[in-house]
Amino acid sequence: MESCGCEKCVSACRRDPGRLVPADVKKMAALLGIGEEELKREYLVIIPARNGPVRFLAPAKIKAARFLAAPGTVVPDYYAEEKGRCVFLAEEGTCRVHEAKPFECAAYMGCRHTFLGRPYKEKDVEAFFISRWRKSQDLI
């Protein structure tokens, strides 16, 4: 995947952290030197798919020095509309888990408004994550 560090791409870290795919959980926990359960309990939130029973994991958002939804919990309905910085975004603006960043972060290019090199279409991106998480709900 092509990657970019321009202001438009990094601004997503300040507004809406990207979702993980199941394989990200193990990689991110290993990078942080913690267990997968601790990662979920301390840093990630559960996001329900818009249509259906599938749920995803994503880094928690922070706004005004507090979590918009507590890590380890299912986010409230208004969560997607609220802007907040990623729990892994350091004060100096760098990603603390860059080597194991969420798949959506790696696949999205804000300056080109693309996901996996194709035009970003919310419906298609949602379908992508549903397909990745459908058989891995036990990880949540």
Protein backbone atom coordinates (compact mmCIF):
# COMPACT_ATOMS: atom_id res chain seq x y z
CA MET A 1 0.00 0.00 0.00
CA GLU A 2 1.19 3.47 -0.81
CA SER A 3 1.53 5.72 2.22
CA CYS A 4 1.53 9.48 2.66
CA GLY A 5 2.37 11.76 5.58
CA CYS A 6 1.01 15.05 4.24
CA GLU A 7 -1.22 17.28 6.38
CA LYS A 8 -4.45 16.06 4.74
CA CYS A 9 -3.58 12.43 5.42
CA VAL A 10 -2.42 13.05 8.99
CA SER A 11 -5.47 15.22 9.73
CA ALA A 12 -7.57 12.05 9.84
CA CYS A 13 -5.62 11.11 12.99
CA ARG A 14 -6.90 14.32 14.57
CA ARG A 15 -10.52 13.78 13.54
CA ASP A 16 -11.48 10.14 13.10
CA PRO A 17 -9.11 7.20 13.72
CA GLY A 18 -9.17 4.34 11.23
CA ARG A 19 -10.66 0.91 11.87
CA LEU A 20 -8.62 -2.22 12.40
CA VAL A 21 -8.88 -5.53 10.57
CA PRO A 22 -8.60 -8.66 12.75
CA ALA A 23 -4.87 -9.20 12.04
CA ASP A 24 -4.11 -5.69 13.36
CA VAL A 25 -5.06 -6.66 16.92
CA LYS A 26 -2.17 -9.08 17.38
CA LYS A 27 0.37 -6.80 15.65
CA MET A 28 -0.64 -3.73 17.62
CA ALA A 29 -0.62 -5.54 20.97
CA ALA A 30 2.83 -6.96 20.24
CA LEU A 31 4.19 -3.55 19.27
CA LEU A 32 2.89 -2.03 22.51
CA GLY A 33 4.14 -4.99 24.56
CA ILE A 34 0.71 -5.78 26.00
CA GLY A 35 -1.86 -8.53 25.61
CA GLU A 36 -4.72 -8.35 23.13
CA GLU A 37 -7.33 -8.09 25.88
CA GLU A 38 -5.48 -5.18 27.48
CA LEU A 39 -5.25 -3.46 24.09
CA LYS A 40 -9.02 -3.74 23.64
CA ARG A 41 -9.78 -2.69 27.20
CA GLU A 42 -7.39 0.30 27.32
CA TYR A 43 -7.23 1.69 23.78
CA LEU A 44 -9.93 0.40 21.41
CA VAL A 45 -13.66 0.95 21.04
CA ILE A 46 -16.28 -1.27 19.42
CA ILE A 47 -18.07 0.21 16.43
CA PRO A 48 -21.24 -1.47 15.13
CA ALA A 49 -21.69 -1.71 11.36
CA ARG A 50 -24.40 0.58 10.05
CA ASN A 51 -26.47 -2.33 8.76
CA GLY A 52 -26.21 -5.64 10.50
CA PRO A 53 -24.74 -7.41 13.47
CA VAL A 54 -21.04 -7.07 12.56
CA ARG A 55 -18.84 -4.94 14.81
CA PHE A 56 -15.36 -3.51 14.26
CA LEU A 57 -12.53 -2.32 16.49
CA ALA A 58 -10.96 1.15 16.21
CA PRO A 59 -8.73 3.33 18.38
CA ALA A 60 -10.67 5.43 20.88
CA LYS A 61 -11.16 9.14 20.15
CA ILE A 62 -10.10 11.83 22.59
CA LYS A 63 -11.67 15.30 22.70
CA ALA A 64 -10.97 17.97 25.31
CA ALA A 65 -8.68 15.55 27.20
CA ARG A 66 -11.36 12.87 27.65
CA PHE A 67 -12.54 9.81 25.76
CA LEU A 68 -15.63 10.28 23.59
CA ALA A 69 -16.44 6.65 24.42
CA ALA A 70 -14.59 4.59 27.00
CA PRO A 71 -12.15 2.06 25.58
CA GLY A 72 -13.56 -1.46 25.65
CA THR A 73 -17.14 -0.27 25.12
CA VAL A 74 -19.57 -0.06 22.21
CA VAL A 75 -19.69 3.51 20.94
CA PRO A 76 -22.91 5.56 21.18
CA ASP A 77 -24.90 6.41 18.06
CA TYR A 78 -23.49 9.95 17.79
CA TYR A 79 -19.85 8.76 17.93
CA ALA A 80 -19.25 8.66 14.16
CA GLU A 81 -20.25 12.32 13.83
CA GLU A 82 -18.01 13.51 16.68
CA LYS A 83 -14.45 14.48 15.84
CA GLY A 84 -11.63 13.49 18.14
CA ARG A 85 -7.95 12.64 17.94
CA CYS A 86 -6.73 9.06 17.92
CA VAL A 87 -5.64 7.69 21.29
CA PHE A 88 -2.34 6.72 19.61
CA LEU A 89 -1.57 10.20 18.27
CA ALA A 90 1.27 11.64 20.36
CA GLU A 91 1.29 15.30 21.38
CA GLU A 92 3.97 16.09 18.80
CA GLY A 93 1.68 14.71 16.09
CA THR A 94 3.29 11.33 15.44
CA CYS A 95 1.61 7.94 15.52
CA ARG A 96 2.76 5.82 18.46
CA VAL A 97 1.75 2.61 16.63
CA HIS A 98 2.82 3.58 13.11
CA GLU A 99 4.50 0.21 12.44
CA ALA A 100 1.24 -1.58 13.34
CA LYS A 101 -1.28 1.15 12.55
CA PRO A 102 -4.91 0.27 11.81
CA PHE A 103 -5.55 -1.04 8.31
CA GLU A 104 -7.85 1.86 7.44
CA CYS A 105 -5.10 4.33 8.33
CA ALA A 106 -2.70 2.55 6.00
CA ALA A 107 -5.24 2.19 3.18
CA TYR A 108 -6.67 5.75 3.24
CA MET A 109 -5.02 8.69 1.51
CA GLY A 110 -6.76 11.92 2.45
CA CYS A 111 -4.93 14.02 -0.12
CA ARG A 112 -6.31 11.81 -2.86
CA HIS A 113 -9.51 10.80 -1.04
CA THR A 114 -8.81 7.15 -1.82
CA PHE A 115 -9.04 3.81 -0.02
CA LEU A 116 -6.78 1.05 -1.36
CA GLY A 117 -6.05 3.28 -4.36
CA ARG A 118 -9.70 3.65 -5.40
CA PRO A 119 -12.01 6.63 -4.81
CA TYR A 120 -13.21 6.61 -1.21
CA LYS A 121 -16.85 5.59 -1.10
CA GLU A 122 -18.24 5.14 2.39
CA LYS A 123 -20.51 2.27 1.35
CA ASP A 124 -17.62 0.33 -0.24
CA VAL A 125 -15.30 0.91 2.72
CA GLU A 126 -18.02 -0.24 5.15
CA ALA A 127 -18.53 -3.40 3.04
CA PHE A 128 -14.77 -4.02 3.09
CA PHE A 129 -14.66 -3.96 6.90
CA ILE A 130 -17.81 -6.06 7.24
CA SER A 131 -16.23 -8.72 5.03
CA ARG A 132 -13.05 -8.71 7.16
CA TRP A 133 -14.81 -8.84 10.55
CA ARG A 134 -17.82 -11.08 9.75
CA LYS A 135 -15.99 -14.28 10.75
CA SER A 136 -13.91 -12.72 13.52
CA GLN A 137 -16.54 -11.38 15.91
CA ASP A 138 -15.03 -13.59 18.65
CA LEU A 139 -12.04 -11.19 18.73
CA ILE A 140 -14.32 -8.41 19.91
